[in-house]
Amino acid sequence: MTKEKKPSFETSLAELESLVEAMEAGDMSLEDSLAAFEKGVKLTRQCQQELSAAEQKVELLMEQQGQLVSQPFDTQDTGES
C-alpha cells in the first residue's frame, strides 16, 4: 500500500477557488455541481485543519517563560484605542 501525499495548503486553496469560479459560472449540470460542492467541502475542511495546525505552531513558538503569550497575527498598530 502506498500512502497518498496530501496536497499543500496553497494547492488545496487554488483548487477550491477554481471550483467556486466554475460553480459561479452556472454552466455545470446538477450532478457536476453537487460533485464540485462535495469536493469543495472536503477542500475547505483540509484548509481549515492546516490553518488550525499552523496557529497551534505559532502559539507554541510564542510561549515565553512557561506562559503562552497570545498575540494577533496582524501586529500593525491601527491607532485605535
PDB file of N, CA and C in Angstrom:
ATOM      1  N   MET A   1       0.830  -1.186   0.000  1.00  0.00           N
ATOM      2  CA  MET A   1       0.000   0.000   0.000  1.00  0.00           C
ATOM      3  C   MET A   1       0.871   1.243   0.000  1.00  0.00           C
ATOM      4  N   THR A   2       0.492   2.201  -0.834  1.00  0.00           N
ATOM      5  CA  THR A   2       1.206   3.469  -0.830  1.00  0.00           C
ATOM      6  C   THR A   2       0.320   4.530  -0.211  1.00  0.00           C
ATOM      7  N   LYS A   3       0.928   5.358   0.578  1.00  0.00           N
ATOM      8  CA  LYS A   3       0.184   6.424   1.234  1.00  0.00           C
ATOM      9  C   LYS A   3       0.091   7.610   0.282  1.00  0.00           C
ATOM     10  N   GLU A   4      -1.138   8.106   0.082  1.00  0.00           N
ATOM     11  CA  GLU A   4      -1.348   9.240  -0.796  1.00  0.00           C
ATOM     12  C   GLU A   4      -0.772  10.500  -0.161  1.00  0.00           C
ATOM     13  N   LYS A   5      -0.028  11.270  -0.956  1.00  0.00           N
ATOM     14  CA  LYS A   5       0.541  12.508  -0.447  1.00  0.00           C
ATOM     15  C   LYS A   5      -0.551  13.577  -0.404  1.00  0.00           C
ATOM     16  N   LYS A   6      -0.657  14.224   0.741  1.00  0.00           N
ATOM     17  CA  LYS A   6      -1.650  15.261   0.943  1.00  0.00           C
ATOM     18  C   LYS A   6      -1.210  16.529   0.211  1.00  0.00           C
ATOM     19  N   PRO A   7      -2.116  17.160  -0.553  1.00  0.00           N
ATOM     20  CA  PRO A   7      -1.725  18.372  -1.266  1.00  0.00           C
ATOM     21  C   PRO A   7      -1.416  19.512  -0.297  1.00  0.00           C
ATOM     22  N   SER A   8      -0.599  20.444  -0.742  1.00  0.00           N
ATOM     23  CA  SER A   8      -0.244  21.579   0.105  1.00  0.00           C
ATOM     24  C   SER A   8      -1.462  22.477   0.312  1.00  0.00           C
ATOM     25  N   PHE A   9      -1.376  23.344   1.313  1.00  0.00           N
ATOM     26  CA  PHE A   9      -2.447  24.297   1.588  1.00  0.00           C
ATOM     27  C   PHE A   9      -2.715  25.151   0.351  1.00  0.00           C
ATOM     28  N   GLU A  10      -1.647  25.636  -0.266  1.00  0.00           N
ATOM     29  CA  GLU A  10      -1.780  26.510  -1.432  1.00  0.00           C
ATOM     30  C   GLU A  10      -2.460  25.792  -2.594  1.00  0.00           C
ATOM     31  N   THR A  11      -2.108  24.520  -2.796  1.00  0.00           N
ATOM     32  CA  THR A  11      -2.716  23.738  -3.869  1.00  0.00           C
ATOM     33  C   THR A  11      -4.202  23.531  -3.596  1.00  0.00           C
ATOM     34  N   SER A  12      -4.539  23.188  -2.363  1.00  0.00           N
ATOM     35  CA  SER A  12      -5.938  22.974  -1.985  1.00  0.00           C
ATOM     36  C   SER A  12      -6.742  24.263  -2.136  1.00  0.00           C
ATOM     37  N   LEU A  13      -6.173  25.381  -1.714  1.00  0.00           N
ATOM     38  CA  LEU A  13      -6.869  26.660  -1.801  1.00  0.00           C
ATOM     39  C   LEU A  13      -7.092  27.060  -3.258  1.00  0.00           C
ATOM     40  N   ALA A  14      -6.090  26.863  -4.103  1.00  0.00           N
ATOM     41  CA  ALA A  14      -6.226  27.188  -5.526  1.00  0.00           C
ATOM     42  C   ALA A  14      -7.306  26.322  -6.177  1.00  0.00           C
ATOM     43  N   GLU A  15      -7.335  25.053  -5.815  1.00  0.00           N
ATOM     44  CA  GLU A  15      -8.354  24.149  -6.360  1.00  0.00           C
ATOM     45  C   GLU A  15      -9.742  24.564  -5.894  1.00  0.00           C
ATOM     46  N   LEU A  16      -9.851  24.961  -4.643  1.00  0.00           N
ATOM     47  CA  LEU A  16     -11.129  25.424  -4.097  1.00  0.00           C
ATOM     48  C   LEU A  16     -11.602  26.676  -4.833  1.00  0.00           C
ATOM     49  N   GLU A  17     -10.694  27.619  -5.056  1.00  0.00           N
ATOM     50  CA  GLU A  17     -11.046  28.838  -5.787  1.00  0.00           C
ATOM     51  C   GLU A  17     -11.513  28.514  -7.200  1.00  0.00           C
ATOM     52  N   SER A  18     -10.852  27.563  -7.833  1.00  0.00           N
ATOM     53  CA  SER A  18     -11.228  27.151  -9.186  1.00  0.00           C
ATOM     54  C   SER A  18     -12.627  26.537  -9.199  1.00  0.00           C
ATOM     55  N   LEU A  19     -12.919  25.704  -8.201  1.00  0.00           N
ATOM     56  CA  LEU A  19     -14.246  25.094  -8.104  1.00  0.00           C
ATOM     57  C   LEU A  19     -15.324  26.153  -7.921  1.00  0.00           C
ATOM     58  N   VAL A  20     -15.051  27.127  -7.066  1.00  0.00           N
ATOM     59  CA  VAL A  20     -16.027  28.187  -6.809  1.00  0.00           C
ATOM     60  C   VAL A  20     -16.300  28.976  -8.091  1.00  0.00           C
ATOM     61  N   GLU A  21     -15.241  29.319  -8.819  1.00  0.00           N
ATOM     62  CA  GLU A  21     -15.413  30.055 -10.076  1.00  0.00           C
ATOM     63  C   GLU A  21     -16.247  29.255 -11.072  1.00  0.00           C
ATOM     64  N   ALA A  22     -15.977  27.965 -11.185  1.00  0.00           N
ATOM     65  CA  ALA A  22     -16.726  27.112 -12.113  1.00  0.00           C
ATOM     66  C   ALA A  22     -18.195  27.028 -11.710  1.00  0.00           C
ATOM     67  N   MET A  23     -18.451  26.921 -10.420  1.00  0.00           N
ATOM     68  CA  MET A  23     -19.829  26.831  -9.954  1.00  0.00           C
ATOM     69  C   MET A  23     -20.555  28.159 -10.145  1.00  0.00           C
ATOM     70  N   GLU A  24     -19.853  29.263  -9.901  1.00  0.00           N
ATOM     71  CA  GLU A  24     -20.472  30.578 -10.065  1.00  0.00           C
ATOM     72  C   GLU A  24     -20.802  30.872 -11.525  1.00  0.00           C
ATOM     73  N   ALA A  25     -20.066  30.273 -12.453  1.00  0.00           N
ATOM     74  CA  ALA A  25     -20.330  30.491 -13.874  1.00  0.00           C
ATOM     75  C   ALA A  25     -21.700  29.942 -14.268  1.00  0.00           C
ATOM     76  N   GLY A  26     -22.174  28.937 -13.533  1.00  0.00           N
ATOM     77  CA  GLY A  26     -23.513  28.409 -13.761  1.00  0.00           C
ATOM     78  C   GLY A  26     -23.645  27.483 -14.953  1.00  0.00           C
ATOM     79  N   ASP A  27     -22.532  27.013 -15.486  1.00  0.00           N
ATOM     80  CA  ASP A  27     -22.571  26.153 -16.672  1.00  0.00           C
ATOM     81  C   ASP A  27     -22.513  24.666 -16.341  1.00  0.00           C
ATOM     82  N   MET A  28     -22.541  24.321 -15.071  1.00  0.00           N
ATOM     83  CA  MET A  28     -22.413  22.919 -14.668  1.00  0.00           C
ATOM     84  C   MET A  28     -23.790  22.282 -14.529  1.00  0.00           C
ATOM     85  N   SER A  29     -23.830  20.978 -14.813  1.00  0.00           N
ATOM     86  CA  SER A  29     -25.073  20.236 -14.581  1.00  0.00           C
ATOM     87  C   SER A  29     -25.278  20.099 -13.074  1.00  0.00           C
ATOM     88  N   LEU A  30     -26.451  19.679 -12.685  1.00  0.00           N
ATOM     89  CA  LEU A  30     -26.747  19.493 -11.265  1.00  0.00           C
ATOM     90  C   LEU A  30     -25.806  18.464 -10.649  1.00  0.00           C
ATOM     91  N   GLU A  31     -25.582  17.361 -11.357  1.00  0.00           N
ATOM     92  CA  GLU A  31     -24.691  16.313 -10.837  1.00  0.00           C
ATOM     93  C   GLU A  31     -23.272  16.831 -10.671  1.00  0.00           C
ATOM     94  N   ASP A  32     -22.797  17.571 -11.684  1.00  0.00           N
ATOM     95  CA  ASP A  32     -21.447  18.130 -11.604  1.00  0.00           C
ATOM     96  C   ASP A  32     -21.341  19.167 -10.484  1.00  0.00           C
ATOM     97  N   SER A  33     -22.390  19.960 -10.306  1.00  0.00           N
ATOM     98  CA  SER A  33     -22.409  20.960  -9.237  1.00  0.00           C
ATOM     99  C   SER A  33     -22.347  20.303  -7.867  1.00  0.00           C
ATOM    100  N   LEU A  34     -23.106  19.229  -7.702  1.00  0.00           N
ATOM    101  CA  LEU A  34     -23.104  18.515  -6.423  1.00  0.00           C
ATOM    102  C   LEU A  34     -21.730  17.893  -6.147  1.00  0.00           C
ATOM    103  N   ALA A  35     -21.122  17.320  -7.180  1.00  0.00           N
ATOM    104  CA  ALA A  35     -19.792  16.729  -7.018  1.00  0.00           C
ATOM    105  C   ALA A  35     -18.767  17.814  -6.689  1.00  0.00           C
ATOM    106  N   ALA A  36     -18.867  18.961  -7.351  1.00  0.00           N
ATOM    107  CA  ALA A  36     -17.957  20.069  -7.087  1.00  0.00           C
ATOM    108  C   ALA A  36     -18.160  20.602  -5.666  1.00  0.00           C
ATOM    109  N   PHE A  37     -19.421  20.695  -5.238  1.00  0.00           N
ATOM    110  CA  PHE A  37     -19.717  21.160  -3.881  1.00  0.00           C
ATOM    111  C   PHE A  37     -19.130  20.209  -2.851  1.00  0.00           C
ATOM    112  N   GLU A  38     -19.305  18.914  -3.071  1.00  0.00           N
ATOM    113  CA  GLU A  38     -18.765  17.907  -2.152  1.00  0.00           C
ATOM    114  C   GLU A  38     -17.234  18.017  -2.062  1.00  0.00           C
ATOM    115  N   LYS A  39     -16.602  18.162  -3.202  1.00  0.00           N
ATOM    116  CA  LYS A  39     -15.149  18.307  -3.216  1.00  0.00           C
ATOM    117  C   LYS A  39     -14.740  19.612  -2.536  1.00  0.00           C
ATOM    118  N   GLY A  40     -15.512  20.668  -2.750  1.00  0.00           N
ATOM    119  CA  GLY A  40     -15.235  21.957  -2.115  1.00  0.00           C
ATOM    120  C   GLY A  40     -15.314  21.883  -0.604  1.00  0.00           C
ATOM    121  N   VAL A  41     -16.280  21.159  -0.093  1.00  0.00           N
ATOM    122  CA  VAL A  41     -16.411  20.979   1.356  1.00  0.00           C
ATOM    123  C   VAL A  41     -15.180  20.251   1.900  1.00  0.00           C
ATOM    124  N   LYS A  42     -14.755  19.213   1.183  1.00  0.00           N
ATOM    125  CA  LYS A  42     -13.571  18.454   1.601  1.00  0.00           C
ATOM    126  C   LYS A  42     -12.330  19.349   1.603  1.00  0.00           C
ATOM    127  N   LEU A  43     -12.162  20.129   0.546  1.00  0.00           N
ATOM    128  CA  LEU A  43     -11.007  21.030   0.459  1.00  0.00           C
ATOM    129  C   LEU A  43     -11.048  22.094   1.554  1.00  0.00           C
ATOM    130  N   THR A  44     -12.234  22.610   1.844  1.00  0.00           N
ATOM    131  CA  THR A  44     -12.389  23.612   2.899  1.00  0.00           C
ATOM    132  C   THR A  44     -11.962  23.036   4.241  1.00  0.00           C
ATOM    133  N   ARG A  45     -12.379  21.818   4.517  1.00  0.00           N
ATOM    134  CA  ARG A  45     -12.003  21.172   5.783  1.00  0.00           C
ATOM    135  C   ARG A  45     -10.493  20.958   5.868  1.00  0.00           C
ATOM    136  N   GLN A  46      -9.883  20.545   4.751  1.00  0.00           N
ATOM    137  CA  GLN A  46      -8.429  20.362   4.732  1.00  0.00           C
ATOM    138  C   GLN A  46      -7.710  21.682   5.023  1.00  0.00           C
ATOM    139  N   CYS A  47      -8.165  22.744   4.383  1.00  0.00           N
ATOM    140  CA  CYS A  47      -7.545  24.060   4.589  1.00  0.00           C
ATOM    141  C   CYS A  47      -7.727  24.522   6.037  1.00  0.00           C
ATOM    142  N   GLN A  48      -8.911  24.327   6.589  1.00  0.00           N
ATOM    143  CA  GLN A  48      -9.167  24.715   7.975  1.00  0.00           C
ATOM    144  C   GLN A  48      -8.269  23.939   8.937  1.00  0.00           C
ATOM    145  N   GLN A  49      -8.075  22.646   8.681  1.00  0.00           N
ATOM    146  CA  GLN A  49      -7.202  21.841   9.536  1.00  0.00           C
ATOM    147  C   GLN A  49      -5.763  22.338   9.471  1.00  0.00           C
ATOM    148  N   GLU A  50      -5.309  22.671   8.267  1.00  0.00           N
ATOM    149  CA  GLU A  50      -3.934  23.156   8.119  1.00  0.00           C
ATOM    150  C   GLU A  50      -3.753  24.512   8.792  1.00  0.00           C
ATOM    151  N   LEU A  51      -4.745  25.381   8.678  1.00  0.00           N
ATOM    152  CA  LEU A  51      -4.664  26.681   9.344  1.00  0.00           C
ATOM    153  C   LEU A  51      -4.652  26.525  10.856  1.00  0.00           C
ATOM    154  N   SER A  52      -5.461  25.616  11.360  1.00  0.00           N
ATOM    155  CA  SER A  52      -5.504  25.358  12.794  1.00  0.00           C
ATOM    156  C   SER A  52      -4.158  24.832  13.290  1.00  0.00           C
ATOM    157  N   ALA A  53      -3.568  23.919  12.538  1.00  0.00           N
ATOM    158  CA  ALA A  53      -2.262  23.375  12.914  1.00  0.00           C
ATOM    159  C   ALA A  53      -1.197  24.467  12.898  1.00  0.00           C
ATOM    160  N   ALA A  54      -1.261  25.343  11.904  1.00  0.00           N
ATOM    161  CA  ALA A  54      -0.289  26.438  11.823  1.00  0.00           C
ATOM    162  C   ALA A  54      -0.460  27.387  13.002  1.00  0.00           C
ATOM    163  N   GLU A  55      -1.697  27.666  13.385  1.00  0.00           N
ATOM    164  CA  GLU A  55      -1.966  28.544  14.534  1.00  0.00           C
ATOM    165  C   GLU A  55      -1.412  27.940  15.819  1.00  0.00           C
ATOM    166  N   GLN A  56      -1.575  26.632  15.983  1.00  0.00           N
ATOM    167  CA  GLN A  56      -1.043  25.963  17.168  1.00  0.00           C
ATOM    168  C   GLN A  56       0.478  26.050  17.203  1.00  0.00           C
ATOM    169  N   LYS A  57       1.125  25.905  16.055  1.00  0.00           N
ATOM    170  CA  LYS A  57       2.582  26.015  15.996  1.00  0.00           C
ATOM    171  C   LYS A  57       3.036  27.419  16.376  1.00  0.00           C
ATOM    172  N   VAL A  58       2.318  28.428  15.882  1.00  0.00           N
ATOM    173  CA  VAL A  58       2.664  29.816  16.207  1.00  0.00           C
ATOM    174  C   VAL A  58       2.532  30.048  17.708  1.00  0.00           C
ATOM    175  N   GLU A  59       1.460  29.538  18.303  1.00  0.00           N
ATOM    176  CA  GLU A  59       1.265  29.705  19.747  1.00  0.00           C
ATOM    177  C   GLU A  59       2.389  29.044  20.528  1.00  0.00           C
ATOM    178  N   LEU A  60       2.816  27.866  20.100  1.00  0.00           N
ATOM    179  CA  LEU A  60       3.915  27.187  20.778  1.00  0.00           C
ATOM    180  C   LEU A  60       5.204  27.987  20.665  1.00  0.00           C
ATOM    181  N   LEU A  61       5.442  28.556  19.514  1.00  0.00           N
ATOM    182  CA  LEU A  61       6.654  29.343  19.313  1.00  0.00           C
ATOM    183  C   LEU A  61       6.632  30.638  20.115  1.00  0.00           C
ATOM    184  N   MET A  62       5.437  31.107  20.437  1.00  0.00           N
ATOM    185  CA  MET A  62       5.320  32.368  21.159  1.00  0.00           C
ATOM    186  C   MET A  62       5.319  32.161  22.674  1.00  0.00           C
ATOM    187  N   GLU A  63       5.426  30.926  23.114  1.00  0.00           N
ATOM    188  CA  GLU A  63       5.438  30.649  24.541  1.00  0.00           C
ATOM    189  C   GLU A  63       6.704  31.228  25.157  1.00  0.00           C
ATOM    190  N   GLN A  64       6.513  32.010  26.205  1.00  0.00           N
ATOM    191  CA  GLN A  64       7.642  32.658  26.862  1.00  0.00           C
ATOM    192  C   GLN A  64       7.579  32.388  28.362  1.00  0.00           C
ATOM    193  N   GLN A  65       8.671  31.927  28.924  1.00  0.00           N
ATOM    194  CA  GLN A  65       8.804  31.662  30.356  1.00  0.00           C
ATOM    195  C   GLN A  65       7.649  30.808  30.876  1.00  0.00           C
ATOM    196  N   GLY A  66       7.300  29.791  30.122  1.00  0.00           N
ATOM    197  CA  GLY A  66       6.278  28.856  30.574  1.00  0.00           C
ATOM    198  C   GLY A  66       4.858  29.367  30.426  1.00  0.00           C
ATOM    199  N   GLN A  67       4.674  30.578  29.923  1.00  0.00           N
ATOM    200  CA  GLN A  67       3.335  31.123  29.749  1.00  0.00           C
ATOM    201  C   GLN A  67       3.094  31.412  28.269  1.00  0.00           C
ATOM    202  N   LEU A  68       1.905  31.141  27.851  1.00  0.00           N
ATOM    203  CA  LEU A  68       1.547  31.396  26.465  1.00  0.00           C
ATOM    204  C   LEU A  68       1.185  32.863  26.319  1.00  0.00           C
ATOM    205  N   VAL A  69       1.834  33.539  25.401  1.00  0.00           N
ATOM    206  CA  VAL A  69       1.554  34.939  25.140  1.00  0.00           C
ATOM    207  C   VAL A  69       0.794  35.008  23.822  1.00  0.00           C
ATOM    208  N   SER A  70      -0.498  35.282  23.901  1.00  0.00           N
ATOM    209  CA  SER A  70      -1.313  35.371  22.691  1.00  0.00           C
ATOM    210  C   SER A  70      -1.148  36.748  22.075  1.00  0.00           C
ATOM    211  N   GLN A  71      -0.853  36.748  20.790  1.00  0.00           N
ATOM    212  CA  GLN A  71      -0.725  37.990  20.043  1.00  0.00           C
ATOM    213  C   GLN A  71      -1.433  37.797  18.720  1.00  0.00           C
ATOM    214  N   PRO A  72      -2.091  38.843  18.223  1.00  0.00           N
ATOM    215  CA  PRO A  72      -2.745  38.706  16.919  1.00  0.00           C
ATOM    216  C   PRO A  72      -1.728  38.554  15.813  1.00  0.00           C
ATOM    217  N   PHE A  73      -2.142  37.898  14.721  1.00  0.00           N
ATOM    218  CA  PHE A  73      -1.246  37.736  13.590  1.00  0.00           C
ATOM    219  C   PHE A  73      -0.932  39.083  12.958  1.00  0.00           C
ATOM    220  N   ASP A  74      -1.902  39.998  12.898  1.00  0.00           N
ATOM    221  CA  ASP A  74      -1.681  41.323  12.332  1.00  0.00           C
ATOM    222  C   ASP A  74      -1.225  42.233  13.445  1.00  0.00           C
ATOM    223  N   THR A  75       0.048  42.544  13.482  1.00  0.00           N
ATOM    224  CA  THR A  75       0.621  43.324  14.577  1.00  0.00           C
ATOM    225  C   THR A  75       0.713  44.801  14.249  1.00  0.00           C
ATOM    226  N   GLN A  76       0.107  45.229  13.148  1.00  0.00           N
ATOM    227  CA  GLN A  76       0.126  46.657  12.801  1.00  0.00           C
ATOM    228  C   GLN A  76      -0.727  47.426  13.795  1.00  0.00           C
ATOM    229  N   ASP A  77      -0.196  48.564  14.237  1.00  0.00           N
ATOM    230  CA  ASP A  77      -0.931  49.427  15.163  1.00  0.00           C
ATOM    231  C   ASP A  77      -1.896  50.267  14.342  1.00  0.00           C
ATOM    232  N   THR A  78      -3.214  50.125  14.609  1.00  0.00           N
ATOM    233  CA  THR A  78      -4.204  50.863  13.860  1.00  0.00           C
ATOM    234  C   THR A  78      -4.433  52.248  14.442  1.00  0.00           C
ATOM    235  N   GLY A  79      -3.889  52.501  15.631  1.00  0.00           N
ATOM    236  CA  GLY A  79      -4.047  53.796  16.263  1.00  0.00           C
ATOM    237  C   GLY A  79      -5.351  53.943  16.995  1.00  0.00           C
ATOM    238  N   GLU A  80      -6.176  52.885  17.001  1.00  0.00           N
ATOM    239  CA  GLU A  80      -7.457  52.944  17.691  1.00  0.00           C
ATOM    240  C   GLU A  80      -7.278  52.533  19.141  1.00  0.00           C
ATOM    241  N   SER A  81      -8.035  53.137  20.031  1.00  0.00           N
ATOM    242  CA  SER A  81      -7.969  52.790  21.460  1.00  0.00           C
ATOM    243  C   SER A  81      -9.156  51.990  21.867  1.00  0.00           C
TER     244      SER A  81
END
